Amino acid sequence: MERVLKFGRLIAYAVLACGIVMGTLSIGTFYYHVGNNPSKPVPALGQVYPLDNHGTFVYVTQEEHEYLEWLRLNRYLVLPALVFIFVLHSMGQRSEKGAPRVERS
């Protein structure tokens, strides 16, 4: 059981690291586009996909739009994964408290 908990902890740290990277990329990319893209659509450049920042719209290309959506979806997958791993980890710790410790030689 101890080996499973160590593996679970490793997975939790990996998912947490991915979440931090994805969150940073998402926020950084979002604010980069808000500061550098036009506030009106430019069909000649393909900047026709609206990006909303609390009522202020800028327009991005299809590739930028798909990338931002991919980051947003990953953000919504990482948080539930972290909660799930935390619950499994805490259940494993509770079950270990009641079990007698076995020494291995």
C-alpha atoms as a PDB file:
ATOM      1  CA  MET A   1       0.000   0.000   0.000  1.00  0.00           C
ATOM      2  CA  GLU A   2       2.901   2.312   0.751  1.00  0.00           C
ATOM      3  CA  ARG A   3       4.195   1.916  -2.794  1.00  0.00           C
ATOM      4  CA  VAL A   4       0.755   2.814  -4.185  1.00  0.00           C
ATOM      5  CA  LEU A   5       0.647   5.964  -2.038  1.00  0.00           C
ATOM      6  CA  LYS A   6       4.114   7.016  -3.235  1.00  0.00           C
ATOM      7  CA  PHE A   7       3.046   6.461  -6.848  1.00  0.00           C
ATOM      8  CA  GLY A   8      -0.174   8.404  -6.227  1.00  0.00           C
ATOM      9  CA  ARG A   9       1.815  11.257  -4.722  1.00  0.00           C
ATOM     10  CA  LEU A  10       4.105  11.283  -7.765  1.00  0.00           C
ATOM     11  CA  ILE A  11       1.104  11.398 -10.104  1.00  0.00           C
ATOM     12  CA  ALA A  12      -0.456  14.180  -8.025  1.00  0.00           C
ATOM     13  CA  TYR A  13       2.718  16.275  -8.280  1.00  0.00           C
ATOM     14  CA  ALA A  14       2.895  15.651 -12.031  1.00  0.00           C
ATOM     15  CA  VAL A  15      -0.732  16.693 -12.520  1.00  0.00           C
ATOM     16  CA  LEU A  16      -0.177  19.735 -10.292  1.00  0.00           C
ATOM     17  CA  ALA A  17       2.889  20.745 -12.321  1.00  0.00           C
ATOM     18  CA  CYS A  18       0.891  20.347 -15.546  1.00  0.00           C
ATOM     19  CA  GLY A  19      -1.888  22.444 -14.048  1.00  0.00           C
ATOM     20  CA  ILE A  20       0.510  25.231 -13.113  1.00  0.00           C
ATOM     21  CA  VAL A  21       2.094  25.205 -16.579  1.00  0.00           C
ATOM     22  CA  MET A  22      -1.301  25.134 -18.334  1.00  0.00           C
ATOM     23  CA  GLY A  23      -2.675  27.903 -16.125  1.00  0.00           C
ATOM     24  CA  THR A  24       0.366  30.086 -16.739  1.00  0.00           C
ATOM     25  CA  LEU A  25       0.222  29.469 -20.487  1.00  0.00           C
ATOM     26  CA  SER A  26      -3.503  30.128 -20.562  1.00  0.00           C
ATOM     27  CA  ILE A  27      -3.367  33.387 -18.633  1.00  0.00           C
ATOM     28  CA  GLY A  28      -0.224  34.619 -20.375  1.00  0.00           C
ATOM     29  CA  THR A  29      -1.494  33.817 -23.854  1.00  0.00           C
ATOM     30  CA  PHE A  30      -4.906  35.310 -23.111  1.00  0.00           C
ATOM     31  CA  TYR A  31      -3.489  38.625 -21.909  1.00  0.00           C
ATOM     32  CA  TYR A  32      -0.970  38.710 -24.750  1.00  0.00           C
ATOM     33  CA  HIS A  33      -3.844  38.557 -27.236  1.00  0.00           C
ATOM     34  CA  VAL A  34      -5.932  41.085 -25.309  1.00  0.00           C
ATOM     35  CA  GLY A  35      -3.043  43.561 -25.433  1.00  0.00           C
ATOM     36  CA  ASN A  36      -1.884  42.954 -29.010  1.00  0.00           C
ATOM     37  CA  ASN A  37      -4.872  42.041 -31.157  1.00  0.00           C
ATOM     38  CA  PRO A  38      -7.345  44.419 -32.841  1.00  0.00           C
ATOM     39  CA  SER A  39     -10.619  45.392 -31.187  1.00  0.00           C
ATOM     40  CA  LYS A  40     -12.457  45.080 -34.518  1.00  0.00           C
ATOM     41  CA  PRO A  41     -12.456  42.046 -36.820  1.00  0.00           C
ATOM     42  CA  VAL A  42      -9.876  42.066 -39.619  1.00  0.00           C
ATOM     43  CA  PRO A  43     -11.081  39.498 -42.193  1.00  0.00           C
ATOM     44  CA  ALA A  44      -8.029  40.051 -44.417  1.00  0.00           C
ATOM     45  CA  LEU A  45      -5.773  38.692 -41.635  1.00  0.00           C
ATOM     46  CA  GLY A  46      -8.265  36.061 -40.496  1.00  0.00           C
ATOM     47  CA  GLN A  47      -8.784  37.756 -37.125  1.00  0.00           C
ATOM     48  CA  VAL A  48     -12.509  37.162 -36.923  1.00  0.00           C
ATOM     49  CA  TYR A  49     -12.879  35.030 -33.750  1.00  0.00           C
ATOM     50  CA  PRO A  50     -13.932  37.162 -30.766  1.00  0.00           C
ATOM     51  CA  LEU A  51     -12.076  36.848 -27.464  1.00  0.00           C
ATOM     52  CA  ASP A  52     -14.002  38.344 -24.541  1.00  0.00           C
ATOM     53  CA  ASN A  53     -12.237  39.934 -21.583  1.00  0.00           C
ATOM     54  CA  HIS A  54     -15.024  41.100 -19.264  1.00  0.00           C
ATOM     55  CA  GLY A  55     -16.891  42.832 -22.085  1.00  0.00           C
ATOM     56  CA  THR A  56     -13.842  44.025 -24.028  1.00  0.00           C
ATOM     57  CA  PHE A  57     -13.498  42.080 -27.262  1.00  0.00           C
ATOM     58  CA  VAL A  58     -10.416  41.474 -29.364  1.00  0.00           C
ATOM     59  CA  TYR A  59     -10.263  39.291 -32.443  1.00  0.00           C
ATOM     60  CA  VAL A  60      -7.924  36.348 -33.012  1.00  0.00           C
ATOM     61  CA  THR A  61      -7.231  33.961 -35.881  1.00  0.00           C
ATOM     62  CA  GLN A  62      -8.669  30.439 -36.044  1.00  0.00           C
ATOM     63  CA  GLU A  63      -5.355  28.880 -34.933  1.00  0.00           C
ATOM     64  CA  GLU A  64      -5.117  31.218 -31.932  1.00  0.00           C
ATOM     65  CA  HIS A  65      -8.755  30.546 -31.064  1.00  0.00           C
ATOM     66  CA  GLU A  66      -8.257  26.760 -31.179  1.00  0.00           C
ATOM     67  CA  TYR A  67      -5.099  27.016 -29.045  1.00  0.00           C
ATOM     68  CA  LEU A  68      -6.877  29.115 -26.413  1.00  0.00           C
ATOM     69  CA  GLU A  69      -9.789  26.654 -26.353  1.00  0.00           C
ATOM     70  CA  TRP A  70      -7.368  23.742 -25.943  1.00  0.00           C
ATOM     71  CA  LEU A  71      -5.740  25.499 -22.969  1.00  0.00           C
ATOM     72  CA  ARG A  72      -9.140  26.237 -21.450  1.00  0.00           C
ATOM     73  CA  LEU A  73     -10.280  22.606 -21.778  1.00  0.00           C
ATOM     74  CA  ASN A  74      -7.065  21.328 -20.227  1.00  0.00           C
ATOM     75  CA  ARG A  75      -7.581  23.692 -17.319  1.00  0.00           C
ATOM     76  CA  TYR A  76     -11.000  22.159 -16.722  1.00  0.00           C
ATOM     77  CA  LEU A  77      -9.548  18.640 -16.829  1.00  0.00           C
ATOM     78  CA  VAL A  78      -6.601  19.238 -14.496  1.00  0.00           C
ATOM     79  CA  LEU A  79      -8.631  20.590 -11.558  1.00  0.00           C
ATOM     80  CA  PRO A  80     -11.011  17.595 -11.320  1.00  0.00           C
ATOM     81  CA  ALA A  81      -8.025  15.262 -11.705  1.00  0.00           C
ATOM     82  CA  LEU A  82      -6.296  16.955  -8.770  1.00  0.00           C
ATOM     83  CA  VAL A  83      -9.430  16.692  -6.625  1.00  0.00           C
ATOM     84  CA  PHE A  84      -9.823  13.019  -7.544  1.00  0.00           C
ATOM     85  CA  ILE A  85      -6.191  12.248  -6.689  1.00  0.00           C
ATOM     86  CA  PHE A  86      -6.472  14.174  -3.403  1.00  0.00           C
ATOM     87  CA  VAL A  87      -9.571  12.190  -2.404  1.00  0.00           C
ATOM     88  CA  LEU A  88      -7.922   8.872  -3.261  1.00  0.00           C
ATOM     89  CA  HIS A  89      -4.786   9.866  -1.390  1.00  0.00           C
ATOM     90  CA  SER A  90      -6.686  10.932   1.730  1.00  0.00           C
ATOM     91  CA  MET A  91      -8.758   7.714   1.658  1.00  0.00           C
ATOM     92  CA  GLY A  92      -5.532   5.713   1.492  1.00  0.00           C
ATOM     93  CA  GLN A  93      -4.089   7.571   4.476  1.00  0.00           C
ATOM     94  CA  ARG A  94      -7.242   6.979   6.540  1.00  0.00           C
ATOM     95  CA  SER A  95      -7.223   3.263   5.815  1.00  0.00           C
ATOM     96  CA  GLU A  96      -3.552   3.078   6.788  1.00  0.00           C
ATOM     97  CA  LYS A  97      -4.160   4.670  10.204  1.00  0.00           C
ATOM     98  CA  GLY A  98      -6.319   1.766  11.380  1.00  0.00           C
ATOM     99  CA  ALA A  99      -4.153  -1.002   9.922  1.00  0.00           C
ATOM    100  CA  PRO A 100      -1.275  -2.407  11.945  1.00  0.00           C
ATOM    101  CA  ARG A 101       2.191  -1.635  10.626  1.00  0.00           C
ATOM    102  CA  VAL A 102       4.004  -4.655   9.199  1.00  0.00           C
ATOM    103  CA  GLU A 103       7.786  -4.622   9.248  1.00  0.00           C
ATOM    104  CA  ARG A 104       9.529  -6.179   6.287  1.00  0.00           C
ATOM    105  CA  SER A 105      12.902  -7.810   6.587  1.00  0.00           C
END
